[in-house]
Amino acid sequence: MKLGISMPSSSRINKALDVKEDMGIGEWNLNYAKKELEKKGFEIIKFIENFPKLRFYDIEALIYYLKAVP
């Protein structure tokens, strides 16, 4: 199972635009997801957290991203 969470880059954009940080996801992060899956009986063999940098070369790309990613 692959789990994707990319908050830090998005949160920097939100801070720059003075947008509320939480966005309704609360405690959602890799450790939280791991604990919840283990509670349901899954055995987690390997988990990695990655926060790639986001780069936008024009404003249209940024606007597209903001519309596509909640």
C-alpha atoms as a PDB file:
ATOM      1  CA  MET A   1       0.000   0.000   0.000  1.00  0.00           C
ATOM      2  CA  LYS A   2       1.309   3.422  -0.860  1.00  0.00           C
ATOM      3  CA  LEU A   3       0.182   6.445   1.089  1.00  0.00           C
ATOM      4  CA  GLY A   4       0.735   9.942  -0.213  1.00  0.00           C
ATOM      5  CA  ILE A   5       0.707  13.010   1.998  1.00  0.00           C
ATOM      6  CA  SER A   6       2.254  16.272   0.854  1.00  0.00           C
ATOM      7  CA  MET A   7       1.373  18.890   3.383  1.00  0.00           C
ATOM      8  CA  PRO A   8       4.540  20.945   4.040  1.00  0.00           C
ATOM      9  CA  SER A   9       4.865  22.299   0.492  1.00  0.00           C
ATOM     10  CA  SER A  10       1.151  22.989   0.306  1.00  0.00           C
ATOM     11  CA  SER A  11       1.136  24.602   3.729  1.00  0.00           C
ATOM     12  CA  ARG A  12       3.853  27.036   2.639  1.00  0.00           C
ATOM     13  CA  ILE A  13       1.645  28.086  -0.270  1.00  0.00           C
ATOM     14  CA  ASN A  14      -1.300  28.476   2.123  1.00  0.00           C
ATOM     15  CA  LYS A  15       0.755  30.635   4.493  1.00  0.00           C
ATOM     16  CA  ALA A  16       1.885  32.845   1.608  1.00  0.00           C
ATOM     17  CA  LEU A  17      -1.742  33.281   0.532  1.00  0.00           C
ATOM     18  CA  ASP A  18      -2.968  33.729   4.131  1.00  0.00           C
ATOM     19  CA  VAL A  19      -5.221  30.653   3.927  1.00  0.00           C
ATOM     20  CA  LYS A  20      -6.352  28.547   6.888  1.00  0.00           C
ATOM     21  CA  GLU A  21      -3.839  25.746   7.571  1.00  0.00           C
ATOM     22  CA  ASP A  22      -6.013  22.874   8.815  1.00  0.00           C
ATOM     23  CA  MET A  23      -8.192  22.267   5.728  1.00  0.00           C
ATOM     24  CA  GLY A  24     -10.112  19.644   7.701  1.00  0.00           C
ATOM     25  CA  ILE A  25      -7.374  17.025   7.824  1.00  0.00           C
ATOM     26  CA  GLY A  26      -6.386  17.599  11.452  1.00  0.00           C
ATOM     27  CA  GLU A  27      -3.897  14.999  12.704  1.00  0.00           C
ATOM     28  CA  TRP A  28      -3.412  13.277   9.341  1.00  0.00           C
ATOM     29  CA  ASN A  29       0.262  12.422   8.821  1.00  0.00           C
ATOM     30  CA  LEU A  30       2.349   9.328   8.214  1.00  0.00           C
ATOM     31  CA  ASN A  31       2.599   8.269  11.864  1.00  0.00           C
ATOM     32  CA  TYR A  32      -1.139   8.708  12.375  1.00  0.00           C
ATOM     33  CA  ALA A  33      -1.913   6.661   9.251  1.00  0.00           C
ATOM     34  CA  LYS A  34       0.541   3.952  10.355  1.00  0.00           C
ATOM     35  CA  LYS A  35      -1.059   3.675  13.816  1.00  0.00           C
ATOM     36  CA  GLU A  36      -4.569   3.532  12.366  1.00  0.00           C
ATOM     37  CA  LEU A  37      -3.605   0.783   9.902  1.00  0.00           C
ATOM     38  CA  GLU A  38      -1.905  -1.222  12.657  1.00  0.00           C
ATOM     39  CA  LYS A  39      -5.082  -0.941  14.759  1.00  0.00           C
ATOM     40  CA  LYS A  40      -6.949  -2.571  11.867  1.00  0.00           C
ATOM     41  CA  GLY A  41      -4.517  -5.491  11.747  1.00  0.00           C
ATOM     42  CA  PHE A  42      -2.139  -4.378   9.011  1.00  0.00           C
ATOM     43  CA  GLU A  43       1.547  -5.104   9.456  1.00  0.00           C
ATOM     44  CA  ILE A  44       3.637  -2.125   8.369  1.00  0.00           C
ATOM     45  CA  ILE A  45       6.973  -3.333   7.019  1.00  0.00           C
ATOM     46  CA  LYS A  46       8.372  -0.072   5.718  1.00  0.00           C
ATOM     47  CA  PHE A  47       7.182   3.502   5.756  1.00  0.00           C
ATOM     48  CA  ILE A  48       8.845   6.571   4.316  1.00  0.00           C
ATOM     49  CA  GLU A  49       7.859  10.202   4.468  1.00  0.00           C
ATOM     50  CA  ASN A  50       8.861  12.461   1.592  1.00  0.00           C
ATOM     51  CA  PHE A  51       8.236  16.165   1.080  1.00  0.00           C
ATOM     52  CA  PRO A  52       9.329  17.112  -2.435  1.00  0.00           C
ATOM     53  CA  LYS A  53       9.668  20.783  -3.309  1.00  0.00           C
ATOM     54  CA  LEU A  54       6.978  22.234  -5.507  1.00  0.00           C
ATOM     55  CA  ARG A  55       8.073  24.600  -8.259  1.00  0.00           C
ATOM     56  CA  PHE A  56       5.781  26.646 -10.412  1.00  0.00           C
ATOM     57  CA  TYR A  57       7.240  28.455 -13.385  1.00  0.00           C
ATOM     58  CA  ASP A  58       4.183  30.585 -14.081  1.00  0.00           C
ATOM     59  CA  ILE A  59       1.067  31.753 -12.303  1.00  0.00           C
ATOM     60  CA  GLU A  60      -1.205  29.569 -14.455  1.00  0.00           C
ATOM     61  CA  ALA A  61       0.532  26.436 -13.178  1.00  0.00           C
ATOM     62  CA  LEU A  62       0.057  27.578  -9.576  1.00  0.00           C
ATOM     63  CA  ILE A  63      -3.631  28.330 -10.173  1.00  0.00           C
ATOM     64  CA  TYR A  64      -4.121  24.897 -11.808  1.00  0.00           C
ATOM     65  CA  TYR A  65      -2.475  23.227  -8.803  1.00  0.00           C
ATOM     66  CA  LEU A  66      -4.595  25.163  -6.321  1.00  0.00           C
ATOM     67  CA  LYS A  67      -7.783  24.152  -8.130  1.00  0.00           C
ATOM     68  CA  ALA A  68      -6.746  20.482  -8.495  1.00  0.00           C
ATOM     69  CA  VAL A  69      -5.451  19.865  -4.950  1.00  0.00           C
ATOM     70  CA  PRO A  70      -7.887  20.390  -2.084  1.00  0.00           C
END
